[in-house]
Amino acid sequence: MSLVQRNFYALFHDHHDGPTPMIEKRAAQRHRVFKGGTITFENGGIPCTVRNMSAGGAAIDLDTPVTLPQSFTLSIAHDDLVRNCRTVWRSDKRVGLAFVQ
């Protein structure tokens, strides 16, 4: 079971009284950012806003819900950053990305 699958399972199957504390299980701490980026793939690209980043991934906001391909590239021109990505989770217009080699 992957780390993401374990976190998802724990979120819905942790039965105890009182509020559930948020436990950070990411391998690398994410830092809040607010940067313009572009998701690119075979048939074009779409703008996005990068909301947080770590060495292993990022969370982005899209203007509208869009179906993304299995793998794509995230570019942040301001930082001269280009990373290959895959989607890990999604919530309406926000998408969690993992950087892949």
Protein backbone atom coordinates (compact mmCIF):
# COMPACT_ATOMS: atom_id res chain seq x y z
CA MET A 1 0.00 0.00 0.00
CA SER A 2 1.44 3.39 -0.95
CA LEU A 3 1.85 6.26 1.52
CA VAL A 4 -1.06 8.09 -0.12
CA GLN A 5 -3.29 5.02 0.13
CA ARG A 6 -2.35 4.54 3.80
CA ASN A 7 -3.13 8.21 4.57
CA PHE A 8 -6.49 7.97 2.78
CA TYR A 9 -7.36 4.73 4.59
CA ALA A 10 -6.37 6.18 7.97
CA LEU A 11 -8.43 9.30 7.35
CA PHE A 12 -11.64 7.31 6.92
CA HIS A 13 -10.99 4.38 9.28
CA ASP A 14 -9.57 6.05 12.39
CA HIS A 15 -12.36 5.51 14.95
CA HIS A 16 -12.00 7.35 18.25
CA ASP A 17 -13.83 10.00 20.22
CA GLY A 18 -13.15 13.67 19.61
CA PRO A 19 -11.68 15.54 16.67
CA THR A 20 -9.03 13.84 14.57
CA PRO A 21 -5.68 15.63 14.77
CA MET A 22 -3.95 16.27 11.47
CA ILE A 23 -0.73 14.27 11.28
CA GLU A 24 1.73 15.22 8.56
CA LYS A 25 3.02 12.06 6.86
CA ARG A 26 4.69 13.52 3.78
CA ALA A 27 8.32 12.59 3.24
CA ALA A 28 9.23 16.28 2.75
CA GLN A 29 7.61 19.35 4.30
CA ARG A 30 5.59 21.47 1.89
CA HIS A 31 5.97 25.23 1.85
CA ARG A 32 3.15 27.62 0.97
CA VAL A 33 3.69 29.53 -2.25
CA PHE A 34 1.57 31.53 -4.67
CA LYS A 35 3.18 31.21 -8.10
CA GLY A 36 1.92 31.10 -11.63
CA GLY A 37 2.67 27.87 -13.42
CA THR A 38 1.81 25.92 -16.53
CA ILE A 39 0.82 22.28 -16.91
CA THR A 40 1.96 21.00 -20.29
CA PHE A 41 1.24 17.75 -22.08
CA GLU A 42 0.98 16.38 -25.64
CA ASN A 43 -2.03 18.38 -26.79
CA GLY A 44 -1.19 21.71 -25.19
CA GLY A 45 -1.01 23.38 -21.82
CA ILE A 46 -3.11 25.09 -19.19
CA PRO A 47 -2.27 27.76 -16.62
CA CYS A 48 -2.31 26.91 -12.93
CA THR A 49 -1.48 28.47 -9.58
CA VAL A 50 1.04 26.60 -7.44
CA ARG A 51 -0.17 26.78 -3.81
CA ASN A 52 2.45 24.69 -2.01
CA MET A 53 5.60 22.77 -2.88
CA SER A 54 8.14 20.34 -1.50
CA ALA A 55 11.03 18.44 -3.00
CA GLY A 56 8.62 15.62 -3.83
CA GLY A 57 5.49 17.37 -5.06
CA ALA A 58 3.11 20.29 -5.13
CA ALA A 59 -0.52 21.31 -4.88
CA ILE A 60 -1.93 23.40 -7.70
CA ASP A 61 -5.19 25.21 -8.38
CA LEU A 62 -6.80 25.17 -11.83
CA ASP A 63 -9.25 27.78 -13.10
CA THR A 64 -11.74 25.06 -14.04
CA PRO A 65 -11.91 21.32 -13.36
CA VAL A 66 -9.91 19.67 -16.14
CA THR A 67 -9.13 16.03 -16.86
CA LEU A 68 -5.36 15.69 -16.81
CA PRO A 69 -3.34 12.97 -18.53
CA GLN A 70 -1.58 10.33 -16.43
CA SER A 71 1.72 12.22 -16.65
CA PHE A 72 2.53 15.82 -17.56
CA THR A 73 5.00 18.62 -16.87
CA LEU A 74 4.71 21.47 -14.36
CA SER A 75 6.67 24.61 -15.29
CA ILE A 76 7.19 27.70 -13.15
CA ALA A 77 8.91 30.25 -15.41
CA HIS A 78 9.70 32.67 -12.56
CA ASP A 79 11.82 30.00 -10.82
CA ASP A 80 13.13 28.36 -13.99
CA LEU A 81 11.57 25.12 -12.69
CA VAL A 82 10.38 22.20 -14.82
CA ARG A 83 9.24 18.92 -13.23
CA ASN A 84 7.59 15.78 -14.60
CA CYS A 85 4.48 14.99 -12.54
CA ARG A 86 1.62 12.62 -11.90
CA THR A 87 -1.63 13.32 -10.09
CA VAL A 88 -1.82 11.92 -6.55
CA TRP A 89 -5.17 13.39 -5.43
CA ARG A 90 -7.69 15.92 -6.59
CA SER A 91 -10.49 18.00 -5.10
CA ASP A 92 -12.56 19.98 -7.62
CA LYS A 93 -10.04 22.58 -8.85
CA ARG A 94 -7.11 21.67 -6.56
CA VAL A 95 -4.73 18.89 -7.60
CA GLY A 96 -1.96 17.23 -5.59
CA LEU A 97 1.08 16.32 -7.67
CA ALA A 98 4.03 14.01 -7.12
CA PHE A 99 7.24 14.80 -8.95
CA VAL A 100 8.58 11.80 -10.89
CA GLN A 101 12.00 11.07 -12.34
